[in-house]
Amino acid sequence: MATIRKRSGGYNVQIRKQGYSTITKTFSSITTARKWAAGVEADMERRLYIEVSDSITLLHLLTRYENDVIPLHKGGRVEGYRLRSLKKHLGHLRLIHLSPHEVSKYRDIRLQVVSPASLKRELVILSRVLTIAAKDWGICIPKNPIPLVSLPKVDKGRTRRLEKGEEELLVDDSEIGRIITLALETAMRRGEILNIKKSHINFSLCTFLIPTTKTDQPRTIPLSSTAITCLRSQLRASESLSGGVISLYEKPLFTYSARGVSGTFLKRCRRSGIEDLHFHDLRHEATSRLFEKG
């Protein structure tokens, strides 16, 4: 039976029922308090009421997601960066206190240092954590507050294309030059280029198999004559570096790391006087060229 007492300007509801722990909640309106109590008691009678643990914090869920789920994702390192921000600002909250108001405060704090697009990615992870906790971990989530929070419009994606003469300044017969050439000829992502192996290339059919993609769907792409020449050059360079030693496992043709490519590309742009150009812009340039060719 529910007991309602007036306390400190509000109405405190206490519900005691066999088989459930004592439930208390305070409301500013007596009408709201009575409706809530009636709803909870009705759910208890029908065995539909799910208790929410007062002790579980968002930090607990974020840490479990980091340990159990992120290792299964390809972009786990980036997700880890975003989780750190969520832990710092929201980790102390208990699940019952995770409200749209708290998420809105987080939104305003983060928008001072990150773009709307970055903020949206962080909130997507938070929403995913809450969904997994409810569906897979058996943890009762009062309500996912993310859909109730207004977000600023995300800026349109970059549309930077190469200007006349810039390609000639960037491309040469070095390893980074070949990576740039392949990006422009194939529209492959940075990670896909760095994972190229000899066994993936079919020189007779002029095709290349990408076994692992961002979408987890392997795909085969055609190779232009320029791309074929570039791959043959890198293959010769790779074989000369090995000194004829046969490795126990097949290594990628390129030796750069993802960060190494981005850093070297940025330095090359600066030396050439090229401004506001990112390596990923080469993918947009390549797809635009393919579209223009029909």
C-alpha atoms as a PDB file:
ATOM      1  CA  MET A   1       0.000   0.000   0.000  1.00  0.00           C
ATOM      2  CA  ALA A   2       1.311   3.439  -0.873  1.00  0.00           C
ATOM      3  CA  THR A   3       1.847   6.052   1.807  1.00  0.00           C
ATOM      4  CA  ILE A   4       2.035   9.730   0.814  1.00  0.00           C
ATOM      5  CA  ARG A   5       3.414  12.323   3.210  1.00  0.00           C
ATOM      6  CA  LYS A   6       3.939  16.048   2.739  1.00  0.00           C
ATOM      7  CA  ARG A   7       7.598  16.805   3.338  1.00  0.00           C
ATOM      8  CA  SER A   8       9.780  19.877   2.666  1.00  0.00           C
ATOM      9  CA  GLY A   9       7.328  21.418   0.259  1.00  0.00           C
ATOM     10  CA  GLY A  10       6.858  18.191  -1.703  1.00  0.00           C
ATOM     11  CA  TYR A  11       4.964  14.911  -1.490  1.00  0.00           C
ATOM     12  CA  ASN A  12       6.965  11.834  -0.557  1.00  0.00           C
ATOM     13  CA  VAL A  13       5.565   8.499  -1.751  1.00  0.00           C
ATOM     14  CA  GLN A  14       6.570   5.259  -0.042  1.00  0.00           C
ATOM     15  CA  ILE A  15       5.412   1.904  -1.388  1.00  0.00           C
ATOM     16  CA  ARG A  16       5.828  -1.339   0.537  1.00  0.00           C
ATOM     17  CA  LYS A  17       4.849  -4.658  -1.038  1.00  0.00           C
ATOM     18  CA  GLN A  18       5.881  -8.215  -0.328  1.00  0.00           C
ATOM     19  CA  GLY A  19       8.474  -9.453  -2.795  1.00  0.00           C
ATOM     20  CA  TYR A  20       9.782  -5.951  -3.540  1.00  0.00           C
ATOM     21  CA  SER A  21      12.126  -3.633  -1.707  1.00  0.00           C
ATOM     22  CA  THR A  22      10.688  -0.394  -0.359  1.00  0.00           C
ATOM     23  CA  ILE A  23      10.286   2.267  -3.050  1.00  0.00           C
ATOM     24  CA  THR A  24      10.291   5.996  -2.321  1.00  0.00           C
ATOM     25  CA  LYS A  25      10.003   9.013  -4.568  1.00  0.00           C
ATOM     26  CA  THR A  26       9.181  12.690  -4.060  1.00  0.00           C
ATOM     27  CA  PHE A  27       6.904  14.830  -6.240  1.00  0.00           C
ATOM     28  CA  SER A  28       5.960  18.504  -6.231  1.00  0.00           C
ATOM     29  CA  SER A  29       2.299  17.743  -7.003  1.00  0.00           C
ATOM     30  CA  ILE A  30      -0.031  15.534  -4.973  1.00  0.00           C
ATOM     31  CA  THR A  31      -1.878  14.560  -8.160  1.00  0.00           C
ATOM     32  CA  THR A  32       1.316  13.385  -9.845  1.00  0.00           C
ATOM     33  CA  ALA A  33       2.333  11.509  -6.701  1.00  0.00           C
ATOM     34  CA  ARG A  34      -0.975   9.626  -6.586  1.00  0.00           C
ATOM     35  CA  LYS A  35      -0.856   8.725 -10.298  1.00  0.00           C
ATOM     36  CA  TRP A  36       2.713   7.448 -10.000  1.00  0.00           C
ATOM     37  CA  ALA A  37       1.883   5.362  -6.917  1.00  0.00           C
ATOM     38  CA  ALA A  38      -1.192   3.863  -8.585  1.00  0.00           C
ATOM     39  CA  GLY A  39       0.812   2.954 -11.689  1.00  0.00           C
ATOM     40  CA  VAL A  40       3.617   1.290  -9.732  1.00  0.00           C
ATOM     41  CA  GLU A  41       1.188  -0.691  -7.571  1.00  0.00           C
ATOM     42  CA  ALA A  42      -0.710  -1.856 -10.664  1.00  0.00           C
ATOM     43  CA  ASP A  43       2.540  -3.043 -12.275  1.00  0.00           C
ATOM     44  CA  MET A  44       3.484  -4.862  -9.088  1.00  0.00           C
ATOM     45  CA  GLU A  45       0.125  -6.673  -9.013  1.00  0.00           C
ATOM     46  CA  ARG A  46       0.658  -7.845 -12.600  1.00  0.00           C
ATOM     47  CA  ARG A  47       4.327  -8.684 -11.927  1.00  0.00           C
ATOM     48  CA  LEU A  48       5.406  -6.174 -14.554  1.00  0.00           C
ATOM     49  CA  TYR A  49       7.319  -3.797 -12.312  1.00  0.00           C
ATOM     50  CA  ILE A  50      11.112  -3.857 -12.742  1.00  0.00           C
ATOM     51  CA  GLU A  51      13.214  -2.450  -9.938  1.00  0.00           C
ATOM     52  CA  VAL A  52      15.976  -0.013 -10.838  1.00  0.00           C
ATOM     53  CA  SER A  53      19.078  -0.361  -8.712  1.00  0.00           C
ATOM     54  CA  ASP A  54      19.930   2.898  -6.946  1.00  0.00           C
ATOM     55  CA  SER A  55      23.591   1.888  -6.698  1.00  0.00           C
ATOM     56  CA  ILE A  56      24.426   1.449 -10.396  1.00  0.00           C
ATOM     57  CA  THR A  57      26.255   4.420 -11.869  1.00  0.00           C
ATOM     58  CA  LEU A  58      26.833   5.318 -15.472  1.00  0.00           C
ATOM     59  CA  LEU A  59      30.553   4.786 -14.845  1.00  0.00           C
ATOM     60  CA  HIS A  60      29.807   1.104 -14.217  1.00  0.00           C
ATOM     61  CA  LEU A  61      28.094   0.751 -17.610  1.00  0.00           C
ATOM     62  CA  LEU A  62      30.731   2.743 -19.496  1.00  0.00           C
ATOM     63  CA  THR A  63      33.543   0.669 -17.988  1.00  0.00           C
ATOM     64  CA  ARG A  64      31.802  -2.598 -18.815  1.00  0.00           C
ATOM     65  CA  TYR A  65      31.229  -1.403 -22.388  1.00  0.00           C
ATOM     66  CA  GLU A  66      34.900  -0.439 -22.659  1.00  0.00           C
ATOM     67  CA  ASN A  67      36.060  -3.850 -21.436  1.00  0.00           C
ATOM     68  CA  ASP A  68      33.525  -6.140 -23.140  1.00  0.00           C
ATOM     69  CA  VAL A  69      32.334  -4.415 -26.315  1.00  0.00           C
ATOM     70  CA  ILE A  70      34.981  -2.015 -27.583  1.00  0.00           C
ATOM     71  CA  PRO A  71      37.636  -4.742 -28.147  1.00  0.00           C
ATOM     72  CA  LEU A  72      35.237  -6.231 -30.731  1.00  0.00           C
ATOM     73  CA  HIS A  73      35.082  -2.990 -32.743  1.00  0.00           C
ATOM     74  CA  LYS A  74      37.569  -1.864 -35.373  1.00  0.00           C
ATOM     75  CA  GLY A  75      37.328   1.749 -34.242  1.00  0.00           C
ATOM     76  CA  GLY A  76      37.810   0.826 -30.610  1.00  0.00           C
ATOM     77  CA  ARG A  77      40.624   3.286 -29.976  1.00  0.00           C
ATOM     78  CA  VAL A  78      38.532   6.264 -31.105  1.00  0.00           C
ATOM     79  CA  GLU A  79      35.555   5.042 -29.066  1.00  0.00           C
ATOM     80  CA  GLY A  80      37.869   4.857 -26.059  1.00  0.00           C
ATOM     81  CA  TYR A  81      38.744   8.543 -26.434  1.00  0.00           C
ATOM     82  CA  ARG A  82      35.067   9.482 -26.454  1.00  0.00           C
ATOM     83  CA  LEU A  83      34.293   7.235 -23.497  1.00  0.00           C
ATOM     84  CA  ARG A  84      36.860   9.078 -21.402  1.00  0.00           C
ATOM     85  CA  SER A  85      34.928  12.304 -21.849  1.00  0.00           C
ATOM     86  CA  LEU A  86      31.637  10.620 -20.947  1.00  0.00           C
ATOM     87  CA  LYS A  87      33.208   9.093 -17.845  1.00  0.00           C
ATOM     88  CA  LYS A  88      34.684  12.405 -16.748  1.00  0.00           C
ATOM     89  CA  HIS A  89      31.474  14.422 -16.961  1.00  0.00           C
ATOM     90  CA  LEU A  90      28.673  11.864 -16.467  1.00  0.00           C
ATOM     91  CA  GLY A  91      30.274   8.824 -14.844  1.00  0.00           C
ATOM     92  CA  HIS A  92      29.357   9.892 -11.307  1.00  0.00           C
ATOM     93  CA  LEU A  93      25.616   9.880 -12.058  1.00  0.00           C
ATOM     94  CA  ARG A  94      23.402   7.039 -10.910  1.00  0.00           C
ATOM     95  CA  LEU A  95      21.149   5.673 -13.635  1.00  0.00           C
ATOM     96  CA  ILE A  96      18.052   7.001 -11.910  1.00  0.00           C
ATOM     97  CA  HIS A  97      19.551  10.507 -12.123  1.00  0.00           C
ATOM     98  CA  LEU A  98      20.560  10.344 -15.788  1.00  0.00           C
ATOM     99  CA  SER A  99      18.016  12.821 -17.122  1.00  0.00           C
ATOM    100  CA  PRO A 100      17.722  14.941 -20.284  1.00  0.00           C
ATOM    101  CA  HIS A 101      18.742  17.911 -18.129  1.00  0.00           C
ATOM    102  CA  GLU A 102      22.048  16.265 -17.175  1.00  0.00           C
ATOM    103  CA  VAL A 103      22.753  15.309 -20.797  1.00  0.00           C
ATOM    104  CA  SER A 104      21.923  18.880 -21.878  1.00  0.00           C
ATOM    105  CA  LYS A 105      24.486  20.210 -19.401  1.00  0.00           C
ATOM    106  CA  TYR A 106      27.038  17.802 -20.865  1.00  0.00           C
ATOM    107  CA  ARG A 107      26.121  19.019 -24.360  1.00  0.00           C
ATOM    108  CA  ASP A 108      26.749  22.663 -23.425  1.00  0.00           C
ATOM    109  CA  ILE A 109      30.100  21.867 -21.787  1.00  0.00           C
ATOM    110  CA  ARG A 110      31.378  19.792 -24.699  1.00  0.00           C
ATOM    111  CA  LEU A 111      30.303  22.272 -27.385  1.00  0.00           C
ATOM    112  CA  GLN A 112      32.827  24.701 -25.930  1.00  0.00           C
ATOM    113  CA  VAL A 113      35.690  22.441 -27.020  1.00  0.00           C
ATOM    114  CA  VAL A 114      34.377  20.087 -29.760  1.00  0.00           C
ATOM    115  CA  SER A 115      32.297  20.412 -32.919  1.00  0.00           C
ATOM    116  CA  PRO A 116      28.605  19.440 -33.084  1.00  0.00           C
ATOM    117  CA  ALA A 117      29.597  16.395 -35.151  1.00  0.00           C
ATOM    118  CA  SER A 118      32.005  15.189 -32.426  1.00  0.00           C
ATOM    119  CA  LEU A 119      29.388  15.752 -29.737  1.00  0.00           C
ATOM    120  CA  LYS A 120      26.845  13.742 -31.707  1.00  0.00           C
ATOM    121  CA  ARG A 121      29.282  10.816 -31.963  1.00  0.00           C
ATOM    122  CA  GLU A 122      29.809  10.868 -28.189  1.00  0.00           C
ATOM    123  CA  LEU A 123      26.058  10.830 -27.515  1.00  0.00           C
ATOM    124  CA  VAL A 124      25.602   7.992 -30.023  1.00  0.00           C
ATOM    125  CA  ILE A 125      28.017   5.918 -27.938  1.00  0.00           C
ATOM    126  CA  LEU A 126      26.162   6.829 -24.734  1.00  0.00           C
ATOM    127  CA  SER A 127      22.834   5.804 -26.284  1.00  0.00           C
ATOM    128  CA  ARG A 128      24.395   2.535 -27.499  1.00  0.00           C
ATOM    129  CA  VAL A 129      25.702   1.759 -23.998  1.00  0.00           C
ATOM    130  CA  LEU A 130      22.244   2.286 -22.480  1.00  0.00           C
ATOM    131  CA  THR A 131      20.605   0.113 -25.138  1.00  0.00           C
ATOM    132  CA  ILE A 132      23.081  -2.746 -24.668  1.00  0.00           C
ATOM    133  CA  ALA A 133      22.707  -2.533 -20.886  1.00  0.00           C
ATOM    134  CA  ALA A 134      18.924  -2.857 -21.174  1.00  0.00           C
ATOM    135  CA  LYS A 135      18.821  -5.564 -23.864  1.00  0.00           C
ATOM    136  CA  ASP A 136      21.891  -7.696 -23.193  1.00  0.00           C
ATOM    137  CA  TRP A 137      22.951  -7.082 -19.603  1.00  0.00           C
ATOM    138  CA  GLY A 138      19.530  -7.227 -17.950  1.00  0.00           C
ATOM    139  CA  ILE A 139      19.928  -3.794 -16.352  1.00  0.00           C
ATOM    140  CA  CYS A 140      16.780  -1.721 -16.050  1.00  0.00           C
ATOM    141  CA  ILE A 141      17.249   1.707 -17.622  1.00  0.00           C
ATOM    142  CA  PRO A 142      14.589   4.216 -16.490  1.00  0.00           C
ATOM    143  CA  LYS A 143      14.518   5.903 -19.913  1.00  0.00           C
ATOM    144  CA  ASN A 144      17.041   6.722 -22.611  1.00  0.00           C
ATOM    145  CA  PRO A 145      17.352  10.537 -22.344  1.00  0.00           C
ATOM    146  CA  ILE A 146      19.299  11.080 -25.587  1.00  0.00           C
ATOM    147  CA  PRO A 147      16.270  11.411 -27.926  1.00  0.00           C
ATOM    148  CA  LEU A 148      14.863  14.099 -25.605  1.00  0.00           C
ATOM    149  CA  VAL A 149      17.941  16.352 -25.906  1.00  0.00           C
ATOM    150  CA  SER A 150      18.063  18.948 -28.666  1.00  0.00           C
ATOM    151  CA  LEU A 151      21.295  18.970 -30.647  1.00  0.00           C
ATOM    152  CA  PRO A 152      22.807  21.674 -32.875  1.00  0.00           C
ATOM    153  CA  LYS A 153      22.869  21.077 -36.593  1.00  0.00           C
ATOM    154  CA  VAL A 154      25.951  19.251 -37.797  1.00  0.00           C
ATOM    155  CA  ASP A 155      28.035  21.095 -40.359  1.00  0.00           C
ATOM    156  CA  LYS A 156      28.094  19.663 -43.843  1.00  0.00           C
ATOM    157  CA  GLY A 157      31.027  17.411 -44.687  1.00  0.00           C
ATOM    158  CA  ARG A 158      34.208  18.744 -46.215  1.00  0.00           C
ATOM    159  CA  THR A 159      34.182  19.331 -49.958  1.00  0.00           C
ATOM    160  CA  ARG A 160      37.866  20.202 -50.416  1.00  0.00           C
ATOM    161  CA  ARG A 161      39.197  19.108 -53.821  1.00  0.00           C
ATOM    162  CA  LEU A 162      42.665  19.294 -55.282  1.00  0.00           C
ATOM    163  CA  GLU A 163      43.447  22.518 -57.070  1.00  0.00           C
ATOM    164  CA  LYS A 164      45.475  22.774 -60.251  1.00  0.00           C
ATOM    165  CA  GLY A 165      49.098  21.753 -59.696  1.00  0.00           C
ATOM    166  CA  GLU A 166      48.591  20.329 -56.174  1.00  0.00           C
ATOM    167  CA  GLU A 167      48.656  16.683 -57.248  1.00  0.00           C
ATOM    168  CA  GLU A 168      52.035  17.176 -58.964  1.00  0.00           C
ATOM    169  CA  LEU A 169      53.418  18.642 -55.729  1.00  0.00           C
ATOM    170  CA  LEU A 170      52.197  15.701 -53.626  1.00  0.00           C
ATOM    171  CA  VAL A 171      52.955  12.676 -55.805  1.00  0.00           C
ATOM    172  CA  ASP A 172      56.413  11.193 -56.413  1.00  0.00           C
ATOM    173  CA  ASP A 173      58.073   7.770 -56.466  1.00  0.00           C
ATOM    174  CA  SER A 174      58.439   7.505 -52.691  1.00  0.00           C
ATOM    175  CA  GLU A 175      56.348   5.247 -50.464  1.00  0.00           C
ATOM    176  CA  ILE A 176      54.119   8.099 -49.281  1.00  0.00           C
ATOM    177  CA  GLY A 177      53.828   9.258 -52.896  1.00  0.00           C
ATOM    178  CA  ARG A 178      52.546   5.824 -53.923  1.00  0.00           C
ATOM    179  CA  ILE A 179      50.057   5.831 -51.051  1.00  0.00           C
ATOM    180  CA  ILE A 180      48.726   9.197 -52.243  1.00  0.00           C
ATOM    181  CA  THR A 181      48.520   7.910 -55.820  1.00  0.00           C
ATOM    182  CA  LEU A 182      46.516   4.845 -54.753  1.00  0.00           C
ATOM    183  CA  ALA A 183      44.143   7.018 -52.723  1.00  0.00           C
ATOM    184  CA  LEU A 184      43.484   9.172 -55.796  1.00  0.00           C
ATOM    185  CA  GLU A 185      43.178   6.234 -58.193  1.00  0.00           C
ATOM    186  CA  THR A 186      41.043   3.875 -56.093  1.00  0.00           C
ATOM    187  CA  ALA A 187      39.159   6.000 -53.497  1.00  0.00           C
ATOM    188  CA  MET A 188      40.357   3.524 -50.862  1.00  0.00           C
ATOM    189  CA  ARG A 189      40.479   4.529 -47.224  1.00  0.00           C
ATOM    190  CA  ARG A 190      43.787   5.048 -45.461  1.00  0.00           C
ATOM    191  CA  GLY A 191      43.489   1.834 -43.443  1.00  0.00           C
ATOM    192  CA  GLU A 192      42.566  -0.182 -46.514  1.00  0.00           C
ATOM    193  CA  ILE A 193      45.659   1.021 -48.374  1.00  0.00           C
ATOM    194  CA  LEU A 194      47.946   0.251 -45.448  1.00  0.00           C
ATOM    195  CA  ASN A 195      46.583  -3.308 -45.243  1.00  0.00           C
ATOM    196  CA  ILE A 196      47.316  -4.140 -48.900  1.00  0.00           C
ATOM    197  CA  LYS A 197      49.068  -7.481 -49.336  1.00  0.00           C
ATOM    198  CA  LYS A 198      50.424  -9.120 -52.483  1.00  0.00           C
ATOM    199  CA  SER A 199      47.844 -11.917 -52.294  1.00  0.00           C
ATOM    200  CA  HIS A 200      45.030  -9.356 -52.502  1.00  0.00           C
ATOM    201  CA  ILE A 201      46.137  -8.141 -55.936  1.00  0.00           C
ATOM    202  CA  ASN A 202      45.111  -9.860 -59.168  1.00  0.00           C
ATOM    203  CA  PHE A 203      47.418  -8.335 -61.771  1.00  0.00           C
ATOM    204  CA  SER A 204      45.949 -10.373 -64.638  1.00  0.00           C
ATOM    205  CA  LEU A 205      42.403  -9.117 -63.996  1.00  0.00           C
ATOM    206  CA  CYS A 206      43.550  -5.685 -62.766  1.00  0.00           C
ATOM    207  CA  THR A 207      41.484  -5.993 -59.594  1.00  0.00           C
ATOM    208  CA  PHE A 208      42.144  -5.744 -55.895  1.00  0.00           C
ATOM    209  CA  LEU A 209      40.311  -7.525 -53.070  1.00  0.00           C
ATOM    210  CA  ILE A 210      39.663  -5.566 -49.880  1.00  0.00           C
ATOM    211  CA  PRO A 211      38.931  -8.398 -47.411  1.00  0.00           C
ATOM    212  CA  THR A 212      38.280  -6.173 -44.395  1.00  0.00           C
ATOM    213  CA  THR A 213      36.310  -2.949 -44.776  1.00  0.00           C
ATOM    214  CA  LYS A 214      34.689  -0.415 -42.491  1.00  0.00           C
ATOM    215  CA  THR A 215      31.308  -2.020 -43.135  1.00  0.00           C
ATOM    216  CA  ASP A 216      32.627  -5.600 -42.629  1.00  0.00           C
ATOM    217  CA  GLN A 217      31.713  -6.420 -46.233  1.00  0.00           C
ATOM    218  CA  PRO A 218      34.630  -7.517 -48.476  1.00  0.00           C
ATOM    219  CA  ARG A 219      34.687  -5.857 -51.863  1.00  0.00           C
ATOM    220  CA  THR A 220      36.688  -6.089 -55.067  1.00  0.00           C
ATOM    221  CA  ILE A 221      37.671  -2.927 -56.919  1.00  0.00           C
ATOM    222  CA  PRO A 222      39.093  -2.399 -60.412  1.00  0.00           C
ATOM    223  CA  LEU A 223      42.606  -1.015 -60.750  1.00  0.00           C
ATOM    224  CA  SER A 224      43.669   1.583 -63.273  1.00  0.00           C
ATOM    225  CA  SER A 225      46.941   1.269 -65.150  1.00  0.00           C
ATOM    226  CA  THR A 226      48.383   3.967 -62.882  1.00  0.00           C
ATOM    227  CA  ALA A 227      47.350   2.022 -59.775  1.00  0.00           C
ATOM    228  CA  ILE A 228      48.863  -1.188 -61.203  1.00  0.00           C
ATOM    229  CA  THR A 229      52.170   0.582 -61.914  1.00  0.00           C
ATOM    230  CA  CYS A 230      52.148   2.053 -58.407  1.00  0.00           C
ATOM    231  CA  LEU A 231      51.545  -1.340 -56.781  1.00  0.00           C
ATOM    232  CA  ARG A 232      54.281  -3.012 -58.831  1.00  0.00           C
ATOM    233  CA  SER A 233      56.742  -0.297 -57.761  1.00  0.00           C
ATOM    234  CA  GLN A 234      55.838  -0.721 -54.089  1.00  0.00           C
ATOM    235  CA  LEU A 235      56.059  -4.500 -54.418  1.00  0.00           C
ATOM    236  CA  ARG A 236      59.611  -4.225 -55.771  1.00  0.00           C
ATOM    237  CA  ALA A 237      60.527  -1.796 -52.983  1.00  0.00           C
ATOM    238  CA  SER A 238      59.029  -4.111 -50.369  1.00  0.00           C
ATOM    239  CA  GLU A 239      60.924  -7.133 -51.694  1.00  0.00           C
ATOM    240  CA  SER A 240      64.209  -5.229 -51.753  1.00  0.00           C
ATOM    241  CA  LEU A 241      63.741  -4.218 -48.114  1.00  0.00           C
ATOM    242  CA  SER A 242      63.188  -7.847 -47.086  1.00  0.00           C
ATOM    243  CA  GLY A 243      66.575  -8.794 -48.563  1.00  0.00           C
ATOM    244  CA  GLY A 244      65.170 -12.017 -49.992  1.00  0.00           C
ATOM    245  CA  VAL A 245      64.183 -13.305 -46.540  1.00  0.00           C
ATOM    246  CA  ILE A 246      60.861 -15.185 -46.655  1.00  0.00           C
ATOM    247  CA  SER A 247      58.603 -14.191 -43.760  1.00  0.00           C
ATOM    248  CA  LEU A 248      56.482 -16.760 -41.912  1.00  0.00           C
ATOM    249  CA  TYR A 249      53.420 -14.582 -42.520  1.00  0.00           C
ATOM    250  CA  GLU A 250      52.509 -12.185 -45.280  1.00  0.00           C
ATOM    251  CA  LYS A 251      53.214  -8.566 -44.438  1.00  0.00           C
ATOM    252  CA  PRO A 252      51.467  -5.507 -45.883  1.00  0.00           C
ATOM    253  CA  LEU A 253      53.259  -3.796 -48.764  1.00  0.00           C
ATOM    254  CA  PHE A 254      53.422  -0.451 -46.980  1.00  0.00           C
ATOM    255  CA  THR A 255      55.361   0.171 -43.778  1.00  0.00           C
ATOM    256  CA  TYR A 256      53.551   3.303 -42.591  1.00  0.00           C
ATOM    257  CA  SER A 257      51.171   3.403 -39.639  1.00  0.00           C
ATOM    258  CA  ALA A 258      47.893   5.304 -39.922  1.00  0.00           C
ATOM    259  CA  ARG A 259      49.221   8.213 -37.842  1.00  0.00           C
ATOM    260  CA  GLY A 260      52.473   8.134 -39.785  1.00  0.00           C
ATOM    261  CA  VAL A 261      50.622   8.617 -43.069  1.00  0.00           C
ATOM    262  CA  SER A 262      48.617  11.542 -41.721  1.00  0.00           C
ATOM    263  CA  GLY A 263      51.690  13.216 -40.218  1.00  0.00           C
ATOM    264  CA  THR A 264      53.872  12.753 -43.297  1.00  0.00           C
ATOM    265  CA  PHE A 265      51.061  13.917 -45.576  1.00  0.00           C
ATOM    266  CA  LEU A 266      50.612  17.071 -43.481  1.00  0.00           C
ATOM    267  CA  LYS A 267      54.350  17.834 -43.613  1.00  0.00           C
ATOM    268  CA  ARG A 268      54.375  17.349 -47.382  1.00  0.00           C
ATOM    269  CA  CYS A 269      51.450  19.757 -47.741  1.00  0.00           C
ATOM    270  CA  ARG A 270      53.202  22.378 -45.625  1.00  0.00           C
ATOM    271  CA  ARG A 271      56.438  22.099 -47.588  1.00  0.00           C
ATOM    272  CA  SER A 272      54.488  22.481 -50.827  1.00  0.00           C
ATOM    273  CA  GLY A 273      52.434  25.429 -49.581  1.00  0.00           C
ATOM    274  CA  ILE A 274      49.155  23.481 -49.778  1.00  0.00           C
ATOM    275  CA  GLU A 275      46.614  24.621 -47.192  1.00  0.00           C
ATOM    276  CA  ASP A 276      43.538  22.993 -45.656  1.00  0.00           C
ATOM    277  CA  LEU A 277      44.015  19.569 -47.212  1.00  0.00           C
ATOM    278  CA  HIS A 278      43.533  16.337 -45.248  1.00  0.00           C
ATOM    279  CA  PHE A 279      44.459  12.858 -46.395  1.00  0.00           C
ATOM    280  CA  HIS A 280      40.811  11.801 -46.317  1.00  0.00           C
ATOM    281  CA  ASP A 281      40.048  14.602 -48.813  1.00  0.00           C
ATOM    282  CA  LEU A 282      41.828  12.451 -51.404  1.00  0.00           C
ATOM    283  CA  ARG A 283      39.001   9.917 -51.125  1.00  0.00           C
ATOM    284  CA  HIS A 284      36.464  12.639 -51.935  1.00  0.00           C
ATOM    285  CA  GLU A 285      38.634  13.789 -54.821  1.00  0.00           C
ATOM    286  CA  ALA A 286      38.841  10.239 -56.185  1.00  0.00           C
ATOM    287  CA  THR A 287      35.095   9.568 -55.954  1.00  0.00           C
ATOM    288  CA  SER A 288      34.386  12.931 -57.601  1.00  0.00           C
ATOM    289  CA  ARG A 289      36.727  12.052 -60.482  1.00  0.00           C
ATOM    290  CA  LEU A 290      35.074   8.651 -60.931  1.00  0.00           C
ATOM    291  CA  PHE A 291      31.648  10.288 -60.992  1.00  0.00           C
ATOM    292  CA  GLU A 292      32.791  12.824 -63.569  1.00  0.00           C
ATOM    293  CA  LYS A 293      34.074   9.990 -65.744  1.00  0.00           C
ATOM    294  CA  GLY A 294      30.649   8.344 -65.573  1.00  0.00           C
END
